[in-house]
C-alpha atoms as a PDB file:
ATOM      1  CA  MET A   1    -126.064  83.264  44.663  1.00  0.00           C
ATOM      2  CA  THR A   2    -127.537  85.777  42.332  1.00  0.00           C
ATOM      3  CA  PRO A   3    -126.897  85.511  38.478  1.00  0.00           C
ATOM      4  CA  LEU A   4    -124.752  88.684  38.689  1.00  0.00           C
ATOM      5  CA  ALA A   5    -122.626  87.315  41.560  1.00  0.00           C
ATOM      6  CA  ALA A   6    -122.145  84.162  39.760  1.00  0.00           C
ATOM      7  CA  ALA A   7    -121.070  86.046  36.739  1.00  0.00           C
ATOM      8  CA  GLY A   8    -118.298  87.757  38.505  1.00  0.00           C
ATOM      9  CA  PRO A   9    -115.711  84.847  38.556  1.00  0.00           C
ATOM     10  CA  VAL A  10    -116.517  83.943  35.138  1.00  0.00           C
ATOM     11  CA  LEU A  11    -115.981  87.488  33.862  1.00  0.00           C
ATOM     12  CA  PHE A  12    -112.622  87.496  35.978  1.00  0.00           C
ATOM     13  CA  LEU A  13    -111.392  84.254  34.371  1.00  0.00           C
ATOM     14  CA  MET A  14    -112.436  85.636  30.794  1.00  0.00           C
ATOM     15  CA  GLY A  15    -110.665  88.818  31.591  1.00  0.00           C
ATOM     16  CA  LEU A  16    -107.479  86.985  32.450  1.00  0.00           C
ATOM     17  CA  CYS A  17    -107.607  85.023  29.240  1.00  0.00           C
ATOM     18  CA  VAL A  18    -108.303  88.274  27.084  1.00  0.00           C
ATOM     19  CA  GLY A  19    -105.445  89.890  28.960  1.00  0.00           C
ATOM     20  CA  SER A  20    -102.966  87.109  27.888  1.00  0.00           C
ATOM     21  CA  PHE A  21    -104.096  87.601  24.471  1.00  0.00           C
ATOM     22  CA  LEU A  22    -103.571  91.424  24.700  1.00  0.00           C
ATOM     23  CA  ASN A  23    -100.077  90.735  25.683  1.00  0.00           C
ATOM     24  CA  VAL A  24     -99.601  89.283  22.351  1.00  0.00           C
ATOM     25  CA  VAL A  25    -101.453  92.325  20.588  1.00  0.00           C
ATOM     26  CA  ILE A  26     -99.204  94.887  22.531  1.00  0.00           C
ATOM     27  CA  ALA A  27     -96.127  93.261  21.660  1.00  0.00           C
ATOM     28  CA  ARG A  28     -97.050  92.518  17.876  1.00  0.00           C
ATOM     29  CA  VAL A  29     -99.388  95.209  16.397  1.00  0.00           C
ATOM     30  CA  PRO A  30     -96.682  98.119  16.430  1.00  0.00           C
ATOM     31  CA  GLU A  31     -94.460  96.042  14.560  1.00  0.00           C
ATOM     32  CA  GLY A  32     -97.016  95.033  11.928  1.00  0.00           C
ATOM     33  CA  ARG A  33     -96.953  91.308  13.037  1.00  0.00           C
ATOM     34  CA  SER A  34     -99.742  88.775  12.986  1.00  0.00           C
ATOM     35  CA  ILE A  35    -101.546  88.204  16.142  1.00  0.00           C
ATOM     36  CA  VAL A  36    -102.595  84.804  15.003  1.00  0.00           C
ATOM     37  CA  SER A  37     -99.471  83.112  13.942  1.00  0.00           C
ATOM     38  CA  PRO A  38     -96.930  81.949  14.849  1.00  0.00           C
ATOM     39  CA  GLY A  39     -97.620  81.030  18.519  1.00  0.00           C
ATOM     40  CA  SER A  40     -96.207  82.755  21.490  1.00  0.00           C
ATOM     41  CA  ALA A  41     -92.580  82.417  21.970  1.00  0.00           C
ATOM     42  CA  CYS A  42     -89.916  83.723  24.182  1.00  0.00           C
ATOM     43  CA  PRO A  43     -88.533  87.175  23.044  1.00  0.00           C
ATOM     44  CA  ARG A  44     -85.113  86.188  24.063  1.00  0.00           C
ATOM     45  CA  CYS A  45     -84.490  82.718  22.770  1.00  0.00           C
ATOM     46  CA  ALA A  46     -87.464  82.328  20.427  1.00  0.00           C
ATOM     47  CA  THR A  47     -88.524  79.070  22.056  1.00  0.00           C
ATOM     48  CA  PRO A  48     -92.203  78.258  21.448  1.00  0.00           C
ATOM     49  CA  ILE A  49     -94.061  78.676  24.739  1.00  0.00           C
ATOM     50  CA  ALA A  50     -96.127  75.398  25.524  1.00  0.00           C
ATOM     51  CA  TRP A  51     -99.927  75.798  26.432  1.00  0.00           C
ATOM     52  CA  TYR A  52     -98.953  74.873  30.178  1.00  0.00           C
ATOM     53  CA  ASP A  53     -96.629  77.538  30.334  1.00  0.00           C
ATOM     54  CA  ASN A  54     -99.199  80.045  29.082  1.00  0.00           C
ATOM     55  CA  ILE A  55    -101.931  79.998  31.517  1.00  0.00           C
ATOM     56  CA  PRO A  56    -102.822  83.425  32.740  1.00  0.00           C
ATOM     57  CA  LEU A  57    -101.053  84.103  36.215  1.00  0.00           C
ATOM     58  CA  LEU A  58    -100.395  80.528  37.101  1.00  0.00           C
ATOM     59  CA  SER A  59     -97.576  79.774  34.577  1.00  0.00           C
ATOM     60  CA  PHE A  60     -95.861  83.033  35.669  1.00  0.00           C
ATOM     61  CA  ALA A  61     -95.868  81.950  39.154  1.00  0.00           C
ATOM     62  CA  PHE A  62     -95.049  78.514  38.531  1.00  0.00           C
ATOM     63  CA  LEU A  63     -92.073  79.373  36.431  1.00  0.00           C
ATOM     64  CA  ARG A  64     -90.875  81.913  38.955  1.00  0.00           C
ATOM     65  CA  ALA A  65     -90.864  84.591  36.109  1.00  0.00           C
ATOM     66  CA  ARG A  66     -88.433  82.907  34.112  1.00  0.00           C
ATOM     67  CA  CYS A  67     -88.452  81.244  30.888  1.00  0.00           C
ATOM     68  CA  ARG A  68     -88.352  77.394  31.102  1.00  0.00           C
ATOM     69  CA  LYS A  69     -85.747  77.221  28.390  1.00  0.00           C
ATOM     70  CA  CYS A  70     -83.277  79.888  28.594  1.00  0.00           C
ATOM     71  CA  GLY A  71     -83.999  81.024  32.228  1.00  0.00           C
ATOM     72  CA  GLU A  72     -84.280  84.821  31.151  1.00  0.00           C
ATOM     73  CA  PRO A  73     -86.634  86.965  33.305  1.00  0.00           C
ATOM     74  CA  ILE A  74     -90.085  87.204  32.084  1.00  0.00           C
ATOM     75  CA  SER A  75     -91.399  90.801  32.077  1.00  0.00           C
ATOM     76  CA  TRP A  76     -94.082  91.564  35.043  1.00  0.00           C
ATOM     77  CA  ARG A  77     -95.959  93.424  32.393  1.00  0.00           C
ATOM     78  CA  TYR A  78     -97.595  89.937  31.387  1.00  0.00           C
ATOM     79  CA  PRO A  79     -99.398  89.302  34.567  1.00  0.00           C
ATOM     80  CA  VAL A  80    -100.113  93.094  35.308  1.00  0.00           C
ATOM     81  CA  VAL A  81    -101.829  93.265  31.922  1.00  0.00           C
ATOM     82  CA  GLU A  82    -103.828  90.071  32.895  1.00  0.00           C
ATOM     83  CA  LEU A  83    -104.821  91.002  36.336  1.00  0.00           C
ATOM     84  CA  ILE A  84    -105.812  94.580  35.109  1.00  0.00           C
ATOM     85  CA  THR A  85    -108.062  93.255  32.323  1.00  0.00           C
ATOM     86  CA  GLY A  86    -109.604  90.670  34.690  1.00  0.00           C
ATOM     87  CA  PHE A  87    -110.473  93.488  37.286  1.00  0.00           C
ATOM     88  CA  LEU A  88    -111.898  95.672  34.412  1.00  0.00           C
ATOM     89  CA  PHE A  89    -113.998  93.093  33.289  1.00  0.00           C
ATOM     90  CA  VAL A  90    -115.449  92.478  36.724  1.00  0.00           C
ATOM     91  CA  TRP A  91    -115.751  96.353  36.970  1.00  0.00           C
ATOM     92  CA  ALA A  92    -117.513  96.524  33.769  1.00  0.00           C
ATOM     93  CA  LEU A  93    -119.875  93.814  35.047  1.00  0.00           C
ATOM     94  CA  ALA A  94    -120.710  95.672  38.177  1.00  0.00           C
ATOM     95  CA  ASP A  95    -121.195  98.861  36.407  1.00  0.00           C
ATOM     96  CA  ARG A  96    -123.507  97.649  33.642  1.00  0.00           C
ATOM     97  CA  GLY A  97    -125.016  94.559  34.932  1.00  0.00           C
ATOM     98  CA  LEU A  98    -126.140  91.591  33.153  1.00  0.00           C
ATOM     99  CA  THR A  99    -127.361  93.747  30.150  1.00  0.00           C
ATOM    100  CA  LEU A 100    -126.644  94.522  26.510  1.00  0.00           C
ATOM    101  CA  ASP A 101    -124.397  97.239  27.851  1.00  0.00           C
ATOM    102  CA  LEU A 102    -122.117  94.789  29.040  1.00  0.00           C
ATOM    103  CA  ILE A 103    -121.064  93.701  25.420  1.00  0.00           C
ATOM    104  CA  PRO A 104    -119.843  97.011  24.161  1.00  0.00           C
ATOM    105  CA  ALA A 105    -118.318  97.542  27.519  1.00  0.00           C
ATOM    106  CA  LEU A 106    -116.188  94.715  27.637  1.00  0.00           C
ATOM    107  CA  LEU A 107    -114.957  95.359  23.852  1.00  0.00           C
ATOM    108  CA  LEU A 108    -114.271  99.157  24.788  1.00  0.00           C
ATOM    109  CA  VAL A 109    -112.175  97.823  27.838  1.00  0.00           C
ATOM    110  CA  THR A 110    -110.323  95.332  25.901  1.00  0.00           C
ATOM    111  CA  GLY A 111    -109.434  98.025  23.237  1.00  0.00           C
ATOM    112  CA  LEU A 112    -108.293 100.424  25.975  1.00  0.00           C
ATOM    113  CA  VAL A 113    -106.015  98.117  27.732  1.00  0.00           C
ATOM    114  CA  ALA A 114    -104.302  97.275  24.358  1.00  0.00           C
ATOM    115  CA  ILE A 115    -104.050 100.974  23.381  1.00  0.00           C
ATOM    116  CA  THR A 116    -102.647 101.949  26.651  1.00  0.00           C
ATOM    117  CA  GLY A 117     -99.914  99.069  26.553  1.00  0.00           C
ATOM    118  CA  ILE A 118     -98.893  99.991  23.000  1.00  0.00           C
ATOM    119  CA  ASP A 119     -98.940 103.885  23.890  1.00  0.00           C
ATOM    120  CA  LEU A 120     -96.664 103.286  27.048  1.00  0.00           C
ATOM    121  CA  ASP A 121     -94.217 101.266  24.792  1.00  0.00           C
ATOM    122  CA  HIS A 122     -94.162 103.353  21.473  1.00  0.00           C
ATOM    123  CA  GLN A 123     -96.198 106.296  22.235  1.00  0.00           C
ATOM    124  CA  LEU A 124     -98.600 105.023  19.187  1.00  0.00           C
ATOM    125  CA  ILE A 125    -102.458 104.494  19.065  1.00  0.00           C
ATOM    126  CA  PRO A 126    -102.853 102.149  16.044  1.00  0.00           C
ATOM    127  CA  ASP A 127    -105.809 102.849  13.767  1.00  0.00           C
ATOM    128  CA  ALA A 128    -106.260  99.019  13.684  1.00  0.00           C
ATOM    129  CA  ILE A 129    -107.560  99.224  17.192  1.00  0.00           C
ATOM    130  CA  SER A 130    -109.019 102.831  17.581  1.00  0.00           C
ATOM    131  CA  LEU A 131    -111.293 102.955  14.655  1.00  0.00           C
ATOM    132  CA  PRO A 132    -113.021  99.733  15.475  1.00  0.00           C
ATOM    133  CA  GLY A 133    -113.342 101.261  19.014  1.00  0.00           C
ATOM    134  CA  ILE A 134    -115.010 104.244  17.518  1.00  0.00           C
ATOM    135  CA  ALA A 135    -117.499 101.974  15.768  1.00  0.00           C
ATOM    136  CA  VAL A 136    -118.270 100.051  18.770  1.00  0.00           C
ATOM    137  CA  GLY A 137    -118.889 103.164  20.710  1.00  0.00           C
ATOM    138  CA  ILE A 138    -121.447 104.395  18.233  1.00  0.00           C
ATOM    139  CA  VAL A 139    -123.198 100.922  18.251  1.00  0.00           C
ATOM    140  CA  ALA A 140    -123.155 101.193  22.139  1.00  0.00           C
ATOM    141  CA  SER A 141    -124.854 104.584  22.063  1.00  0.00           C
ATOM    142  CA  ALA A 142    -127.565 103.512  19.876  1.00  0.00           C
ATOM    143  CA  VAL A 143    -128.209 100.444  22.001  1.00  0.00           C
ATOM    144  CA  THR A 144    -128.255 102.682  25.206  1.00  0.00           C
ATOM    145  CA  VAL A 145    -130.656 105.146  23.460  1.00  0.00           C
ATOM    146  CA  TYR A 146    -132.857 102.252  22.593  1.00  0.00           C
ATOM    147  CA  GLU A 147    -132.891 100.649  26.172  1.00  0.00           C
ATOM    148  CA  GLU A 148    -133.475 104.163  27.642  1.00  0.00           C
ATOM    149  CA  SER A 149    -136.584 104.660  25.584  1.00  0.00           C
ATOM    150  CA  LEU A 150    -138.050 101.220  26.704  1.00  0.00           C
ATOM    151  CA  ARG A 151    -137.585 102.639  30.365  1.00  0.00           C
ATOM    152  CA  LEU A 152    -139.080 105.843  29.464  1.00  0.00           C
ATOM    153  CA  PHE A 153    -141.808 104.201  27.385  1.00  0.00           C
ATOM    154  CA  PRO A 154    -142.409 100.546  28.226  1.00  0.00           C
ATOM    155  CA  ASP A 155    -145.366 100.732  25.563  1.00  0.00           C
ATOM    156  CA  GLN A 156    -143.385 101.633  22.432  1.00  0.00           C
ATOM    157  CA  ALA A 157    -146.547 101.532  20.375  1.00  0.00           C
ATOM    158  CA  HIS A 158    -148.420 103.874  22.533  1.00  0.00           C
ATOM    159  CA  ALA A 159    -145.329 106.396  22.449  1.00  0.00           C
ATOM    160  CA  THR A 160    -145.014 106.098  18.791  1.00  0.00           C
ATOM    161  CA  ILE A 161    -148.400 106.793  17.875  1.00  0.00           C
ATOM    162  CA  LEU A 162    -148.352 109.989  20.107  1.00  0.00           C
ATOM    163  CA  PHE A 163    -145.259 111.124  18.402  1.00  0.00           C
ATOM    164  CA  ALA A 164    -146.960 110.609  15.033  1.00  0.00           C
ATOM    165  CA  ARG A 165    -149.825 112.825  16.200  1.00  0.00           C
ATOM    166  CA  ALA A 166    -147.341 115.495  17.236  1.00  0.00           C
ATOM    167  CA  LEU A 167    -145.623 115.385  14.067  1.00  0.00           C
ATOM    168  CA  GLY A 168    -148.950 115.826  12.032  1.00  0.00           C
ATOM    169  CA  ARG A 169    -149.788 118.803  14.283  1.00  0.00           C
ATOM    170  CA  VAL A 170    -146.715 120.764  13.463  1.00  0.00           C
ATOM    171  CA  GLY A 171    -147.411 120.004   9.578  1.00  0.00           C
ATOM    172  CA  ARG A 172    -144.789 117.320   9.206  1.00  0.00           C
ATOM    173  CA  THR A 173    -147.463 114.976   7.654  1.00  0.00           C
ATOM    174  CA  GLU A 174    -144.878 112.823   5.513  1.00  0.00           C
ATOM    175  CA  ASP A 175    -142.822 112.139   8.765  1.00  0.00           C
ATOM    176  CA  ALA A 176    -146.038 111.262  10.680  1.00  0.00           C
ATOM    177  CA  GLU A 177    -147.023 108.566   7.999  1.00  0.00           C
ATOM    178  CA  VAL A 178    -143.837 107.160   8.267  1.00  0.00           C
ATOM    179  CA  THR A 179    -144.118 106.955  12.203  1.00  0.00           C
ATOM    180  CA  LEU A 180    -147.627 105.665  11.790  1.00  0.00           C
ATOM    181  CA  ALA A 181    -146.436 102.638   9.518  1.00  0.00           C
ATOM    182  CA  ARG A 182    -143.966 101.927  12.226  1.00  0.00           C
ATOM    183  CA  ALA A 183    -146.682 102.048  14.973  1.00  0.00           C
ATOM    184  CA  HIS A 184    -148.576  99.307  12.819  1.00  0.00           C
ATOM    185  CA  SER A 185    -145.935  96.800  13.177  1.00  0.00           C
ATOM    186  CA  LEU A 186    -145.801  97.467  17.064  1.00  0.00           C
ATOM    187  CA  ILE A 187    -149.503  96.887  17.951  1.00  0.00           C
ATOM    188  CA  ARG A 188    -151.920  93.947  18.074  1.00  0.00           C
ATOM    189  CA  PRO A 189    -155.343  94.039  16.444  1.00  0.00           C
ATOM    190  CA  GLY A 190    -158.050  94.809  19.070  1.00  0.00           C
ATOM    191  CA  THR A 191    -156.028  96.401  21.609  1.00  0.00           C
ATOM    192  CA  GLY A 192    -156.442 100.167  22.850  1.00  0.00           C
ATOM    193  CA  GLU A 193    -153.256 101.068  20.866  1.00  0.00           C
ATOM    194  CA  ALA A 194    -155.142  99.850  17.926  1.00  0.00           C
ATOM    195  CA  ALA A 195    -157.987 102.022  18.420  1.00  0.00           C
ATOM    196  CA  LEU A 196    -155.647 105.028  19.301  1.00  0.00           C
ATOM    197  CA  LEU A 197    -153.944 104.463  15.989  1.00  0.00           C
ATOM    198  CA  ASP A 198    -157.040 104.623  14.159  1.00  0.00           C
ATOM    199  CA  ARG A 199    -157.951 107.821  15.753  1.00  0.00           C
ATOM    200  CA  VAL A 200    -154.542 109.455  14.911  1.00  0.00           C
ATOM    201  CA  THR A 201    -154.483 107.963  11.477  1.00  0.00           C
ATOM    202  CA  ALA A 202    -157.745 109.724  10.726  1.00  0.00           C
ATOM    203  CA  GLU A 203    -156.207 113.125  11.973  1.00  0.00           C
ATOM    204  CA  VAL A 204    -152.984 112.788  10.171  1.00  0.00           C
ATOM    205  CA  MET A 205    -154.285 111.233   6.875  1.00  0.00           C
ATOM    206  CA  GLY A 206    -157.481 113.292   6.710  1.00  0.00           C
ATOM    207  CA  PRO A 207    -156.309 116.027   4.408  1.00  0.00           C
ATOM    208  CA  ARG A 208    -154.007 113.656   2.058  1.00  0.00           C
ATOM    209  CA  ALA A 209    -155.734 110.481   2.149  1.00  0.00           C
ATOM    210  CA  PRO A 210    -159.609 110.913   2.921  1.00  0.00           C
ATOM    211  CA  THR A 211    -160.610 107.408   2.040  1.00  0.00           C
ATOM    212  CA  GLN A 212    -158.148 105.892   4.374  1.00  0.00           C
ATOM    213  CA  ALA A 213    -159.028 108.524   7.164  1.00  0.00           C
ATOM    214  CA  ARG A 214    -162.643 107.527   6.798  1.00  0.00           C
ATOM    215  CA  ALA A 215    -161.909 103.822   7.126  1.00  0.00           C
ATOM    216  CA  ALA A 216    -159.758 104.471  10.284  1.00  0.00           C
ATOM    217  CA  LEU A 217    -162.300 106.672  11.832  1.00  0.00           C
ATOM    218  CA  GLU A 218    -165.225 104.328  11.274  1.00  0.00           C
ATOM    219  CA  ARG A 219    -163.138 101.502  13.070  1.00  0.00           C
ATOM    220  CA  TYR A 220    -162.675 104.036  15.871  1.00  0.00           C
ATOM    221  CA  VAL A 221    -166.250 105.001  16.111  1.00  0.00           C
ATOM    222  CA  ALA A 222    -167.405 101.488  16.033  1.00  0.00           C
ATOM    223  CA  ARG A 223    -165.018 100.491  19.164  1.00  0.00           C
ATOM    224  CA  LEU A 224    -166.447 103.556  20.962  1.00  0.00           C
ATOM    225  CA  ARG A 225    -170.189 102.774  20.407  1.00  0.00           C
ATOM    226  CA  ALA A 226    -169.132  99.058  21.283  1.00  0.00           C
ATOM    227  CA  LEU A 227    -168.192 100.144  24.901  1.00  0.00           C
ATOM    228  CA  PRO A 228    -170.486  98.765  27.428  1.00  0.00           C
ATOM    229  CA  GLU A 229    -169.953 101.593  29.952  1.00  0.00           C
ATOM    230  CA  PRO A 230    -168.001 104.387  28.283  1.00  0.00           C
ATOM    231  CA  THR A 231    -166.706 107.138  30.468  1.00  0.00           C
ATOM    232  CA  ARG A 232    -167.547 110.796  30.109  1.00  0.00           C
ATOM    233  CA  ALA A 233    -164.224 111.343  28.049  1.00  0.00           C
ATOM    234  CA  GLU A 234    -165.147 108.435  25.683  1.00  0.00           C
ATOM    235  CA  LYS A 235    -168.605 109.841  25.176  1.00  0.00           C
ATOM    236  CA  ALA A 236    -167.186 113.203  24.396  1.00  0.00           C
ATOM    237  CA  ASP A 237    -164.560 111.583  21.895  1.00  0.00           C
ATOM    238  CA  LEU A 238    -167.264 109.622  20.275  1.00  0.00           C
ATOM    239  CA  ILE A 239    -169.433 112.785  19.456  1.00  0.00           C
ATOM    240  CA  ASP A 240    -166.191 114.408  18.283  1.00  0.00           C
ATOM    241  CA  ALA A 241    -165.140 111.395  16.149  1.00  0.00           C
ATOM    242  CA  GLU A 242    -168.912 111.191  14.711  1.00  0.00           C
ATOM    243  CA  ARG A 243    -168.728 114.757  13.751  1.00  0.00           C
ATOM    244  CA  GLN A 244    -165.379 114.275  11.849  1.00  0.00           C
ATOM    245  CA  LEU A 245    -166.820 111.234  10.365  1.00  0.00           C
ATOM    246  CA  ALA A 246    -169.744 112.943   9.048  1.00  0.00           C
ATOM    247  CA  VAL A 247    -167.235 115.598   7.372  1.00  0.00           C
ATOM    248  CA  LEU A 248    -165.337 112.965   5.818  1.00  0.00           C
ATOM    249  CA  VAL A 249    -168.304 110.977   4.574  1.00  0.00           C
ATOM    250  CA  GLY A 250    -169.528 114.126   2.953  1.00  0.00           C
ATOM    251  CA  GLY A 251    -166.270 114.608   1.168  1.00  0.00           C
ATOM    252  CA  VAL A 252    -165.681 111.029   0.101  1.00  0.00           C
ATOM    253  CA  ARG A 253    -168.487 109.484  -1.955  1.00  0.00           C
END
């Protein structure tokens, strides 16, 4: 059994439990009552509901949809909300998989079930639920963008360095410097990205910080010269880098 298949029943049971809690939210939030205390009670006779009479779906079936104390009917809304929440949790799992996206999806599903139940009963959408839902949506969008960037650019360091180069070439030097600082935190010394970072640093920092640019370009030239069998492109790049270095050396004494 795959991890995704194994997670299905777990998410369904979790959804049932969350749905049971959402029944409390739907009943109490519009009235301004606490959703924590007191515990659940029969809405007709006010008898507290024991834990064994509060098990999602099972207690409803075992009690035959009636209060154990007063015998009054229990609304079908309770098991319906539990079932809907359970199925929506499984649907979220099937749609998002075992990824970071699943967490905000479950939170949003939970909020939507609560909002729908309250709206049907009172034609009201409480800020206490909708505003946190907006915040979750914003965070979820940020996470999704980050995961998408990882998919498009698995090597974040390389992509960040190229972005800094592009910023420098359109005159946004300060932004390019910030991006280069970010790239420094992503690379490991001695890698190809480190060499590229030196090359782009020399390009971007040359006019503003010639000493720093010279140091970066010297490291880059040294790496190219140390290559045992440089390609034609690397040889051409070495010639170009040496010319730039000569200019910088002439300007930095």
